Amino acid sequence: VGMPTTVFVDNLPSSCTEGQLRTVFTRFGPVQVIVATRLGQHLGFGFVVFDTPTAAEQAIAHLNGTELLGRRIRVCATISPNPRAA
């Protein structure tokens, strides 16, 4: 059993919901998803927390640079272990 690992997802379209993001990332393992908002406004990025580093690495390898809802997303490791504190 690994440590939870957080990935940063950038360039999200404003229409992207946590549910849509979860659908894209759960094929690599169970996830918790946070789409960043401030005062109800979508900020265009979010965080996905995987149960293991392996799942996070696979998601980065397969999804970085791919298109989501018409936008090319950037998926990378984040140094923050707690996405709420990032």
C-alpha atoms as a PDB file:
ATOM      1  CA  VAL A   1       0.000   0.000   0.000  1.00  0.00           C
ATOM      2  CA  GLY A   2       1.482   3.313  -1.090  1.00  0.00           C
ATOM      3  CA  MET A   3       1.069   6.848   0.106  1.00  0.00           C
ATOM      4  CA  PRO A   4      -1.627   9.073  -1.363  1.00  0.00           C
ATOM      5  CA  THR A   5      -0.128  11.051  -4.228  1.00  0.00           C
ATOM      6  CA  THR A   6      -1.471  14.307  -5.613  1.00  0.00           C
ATOM      7  CA  VAL A   7      -1.212  15.447  -9.227  1.00  0.00           C
ATOM      8  CA  PHE A   8      -1.814  18.970 -10.494  1.00  0.00           C
ATOM      9  CA  VAL A   9      -4.102  19.426 -13.511  1.00  0.00           C
ATOM     10  CA  ASP A  10      -3.807  22.749 -15.341  1.00  0.00           C
ATOM     11  CA  ASN A  11      -5.643  24.444 -18.221  1.00  0.00           C
ATOM     12  CA  LEU A  12      -9.031  22.960 -17.329  1.00  0.00           C
ATOM     13  CA  PRO A  13     -11.954  24.409 -19.279  1.00  0.00           C
ATOM     14  CA  SER A  14     -14.348  26.405 -17.114  1.00  0.00           C
ATOM     15  CA  SER A  15     -17.101  23.918 -17.945  1.00  0.00           C
ATOM     16  CA  CYS A  16     -15.172  20.992 -16.414  1.00  0.00           C
ATOM     17  CA  THR A  17     -16.759  19.576 -13.270  1.00  0.00           C
ATOM     18  CA  GLU A  18     -15.246  17.442 -10.527  1.00  0.00           C
ATOM     19  CA  GLY A  19     -17.380  14.561 -11.811  1.00  0.00           C
ATOM     20  CA  GLN A  20     -15.978  14.857 -15.340  1.00  0.00           C
ATOM     21  CA  LEU A  21     -12.429  15.039 -14.016  1.00  0.00           C
ATOM     22  CA  ARG A  22     -13.046  12.005 -11.802  1.00  0.00           C
ATOM     23  CA  THR A  23     -14.299  10.023 -14.823  1.00  0.00           C
ATOM     24  CA  VAL A  24     -11.091  10.767 -16.749  1.00  0.00           C
ATOM     25  CA  PHE A  25      -8.723   9.909 -13.893  1.00  0.00           C
ATOM     26  CA  THR A  26     -10.407   6.905 -12.219  1.00  0.00           C
ATOM     27  CA  ARG A  27      -9.229   4.554 -14.959  1.00  0.00           C
ATOM     28  CA  PHE A  28      -5.822   4.744 -13.231  1.00  0.00           C
ATOM     29  CA  GLY A  29      -7.174   4.048  -9.737  1.00  0.00           C
ATOM     30  CA  PRO A  30      -9.471   5.409  -7.029  1.00  0.00           C
ATOM     31  CA  VAL A  31      -9.261   9.184  -6.732  1.00  0.00           C
ATOM     32  CA  GLN A  32     -10.375  12.221  -4.803  1.00  0.00           C
ATOM     33  CA  VAL A  33     -10.830  15.237  -7.066  1.00  0.00           C
ATOM     34  CA  ILE A  34     -10.750  18.947  -6.267  1.00  0.00           C
ATOM     35  CA  VAL A  35     -11.448  21.550  -8.952  1.00  0.00           C
ATOM     36  CA  ALA A  36     -10.094  24.862  -7.717  1.00  0.00           C
ATOM     37  CA  THR A  37     -12.592  27.664  -7.279  1.00  0.00           C
ATOM     38  CA  ARG A  38     -12.460  31.040  -5.588  1.00  0.00           C
ATOM     39  CA  LEU A  39     -15.711  32.725  -4.618  1.00  0.00           C
ATOM     40  CA  GLY A  40     -17.539  30.299  -6.882  1.00  0.00           C
ATOM     41  CA  GLN A  41     -15.363  31.059  -9.914  1.00  0.00           C
ATOM     42  CA  HIS A  42     -13.613  28.182 -11.675  1.00  0.00           C
ATOM     43  CA  LEU A  43      -9.849  28.882 -11.651  1.00  0.00           C
ATOM     44  CA  GLY A  44      -8.877  26.576 -14.513  1.00  0.00           C
ATOM     45  CA  PHE A  45      -6.910  24.061 -12.479  1.00  0.00           C
ATOM     46  CA  GLY A  46      -7.436  21.299  -9.982  1.00  0.00           C
ATOM     47  CA  PHE A  47      -5.904  18.446  -8.066  1.00  0.00           C
ATOM     48  CA  VAL A  48      -6.401  14.697  -8.217  1.00  0.00           C
ATOM     49  CA  VAL A  49      -5.344  12.568  -5.249  1.00  0.00           C
ATOM     50  CA  PHE A  50      -4.512   8.934  -6.005  1.00  0.00           C
ATOM     51  CA  ASP A  51      -4.171   6.169  -3.424  1.00  0.00           C
ATOM     52  CA  THR A  52      -0.740   5.200  -4.774  1.00  0.00           C
ATOM     53  CA  PRO A  53       2.227   6.880  -6.486  1.00  0.00           C
ATOM     54  CA  THR A  54       2.041   4.269  -9.271  1.00  0.00           C
ATOM     55  CA  ALA A  55      -1.492   5.304 -10.235  1.00  0.00           C
ATOM     56  CA  ALA A  56      -0.451   8.969 -10.216  1.00  0.00           C
ATOM     57  CA  GLU A  57       2.569   8.259 -12.430  1.00  0.00           C
ATOM     58  CA  GLN A  58       0.400   6.348 -14.918  1.00  0.00           C
ATOM     59  CA  ALA A  59      -2.128   9.185 -15.051  1.00  0.00           C
ATOM     60  CA  ILE A  60       0.621  11.745 -15.695  1.00  0.00           C
ATOM     61  CA  ALA A  61       2.170   9.572 -18.421  1.00  0.00           C
ATOM     62  CA  HIS A  62      -1.149   8.953 -20.185  1.00  0.00           C
ATOM     63  CA  LEU A  63      -2.991  12.249 -19.726  1.00  0.00           C
ATOM     64  CA  ASN A  64      -0.414  15.062 -19.819  1.00  0.00           C
ATOM     65  CA  GLY A  65      -0.899  16.990 -23.061  1.00  0.00           C
ATOM     66  CA  THR A  66      -4.192  15.310 -23.940  1.00  0.00           C
ATOM     67  CA  GLU A  67      -7.400  17.136 -24.749  1.00  0.00           C
ATOM     68  CA  LEU A  68     -10.253  17.478 -22.273  1.00  0.00           C
ATOM     69  CA  LEU A  69     -13.435  19.256 -23.378  1.00  0.00           C
ATOM     70  CA  GLY A  70     -11.538  21.086 -26.124  1.00  0.00           C
ATOM     71  CA  ARG A  71      -8.545  22.197 -24.004  1.00  0.00           C
ATOM     72  CA  ARG A  72      -5.087  20.618 -23.881  1.00  0.00           C
ATOM     73  CA  ILE A  73      -4.512  19.827 -20.222  1.00  0.00           C
ATOM     74  CA  ARG A  74      -1.238  19.709 -18.325  1.00  0.00           C
ATOM     75  CA  VAL A  75      -0.916  16.953 -15.728  1.00  0.00           C
ATOM     76  CA  CYS A  76       2.122  16.867 -13.456  1.00  0.00           C
ATOM     77  CA  ALA A  77       3.291  15.885  -9.998  1.00  0.00           C
ATOM     78  CA  THR A  78       2.789  18.459  -7.277  1.00  0.00           C
ATOM     79  CA  ILE A  79       4.963  18.995  -4.254  1.00  0.00           C
ATOM     80  CA  SER A  80       1.990  19.637  -1.989  1.00  0.00           C
ATOM     81  CA  PRO A  81       0.775  16.453  -0.286  1.00  0.00           C
ATOM     82  CA  ASN A  82      -2.431  18.286   0.651  1.00  0.00           C
ATOM     83  CA  PRO A  83      -4.271  19.760  -2.363  1.00  0.00           C
ATOM     84  CA  ARG A  84      -6.270  22.093  -0.132  1.00  0.00           C
ATOM     85  CA  ALA A  85      -2.996  23.712   0.975  1.00  0.00           C
ATOM     86  CA  ALA A  86      -1.471  24.051  -2.497  1.00  0.00           C
END
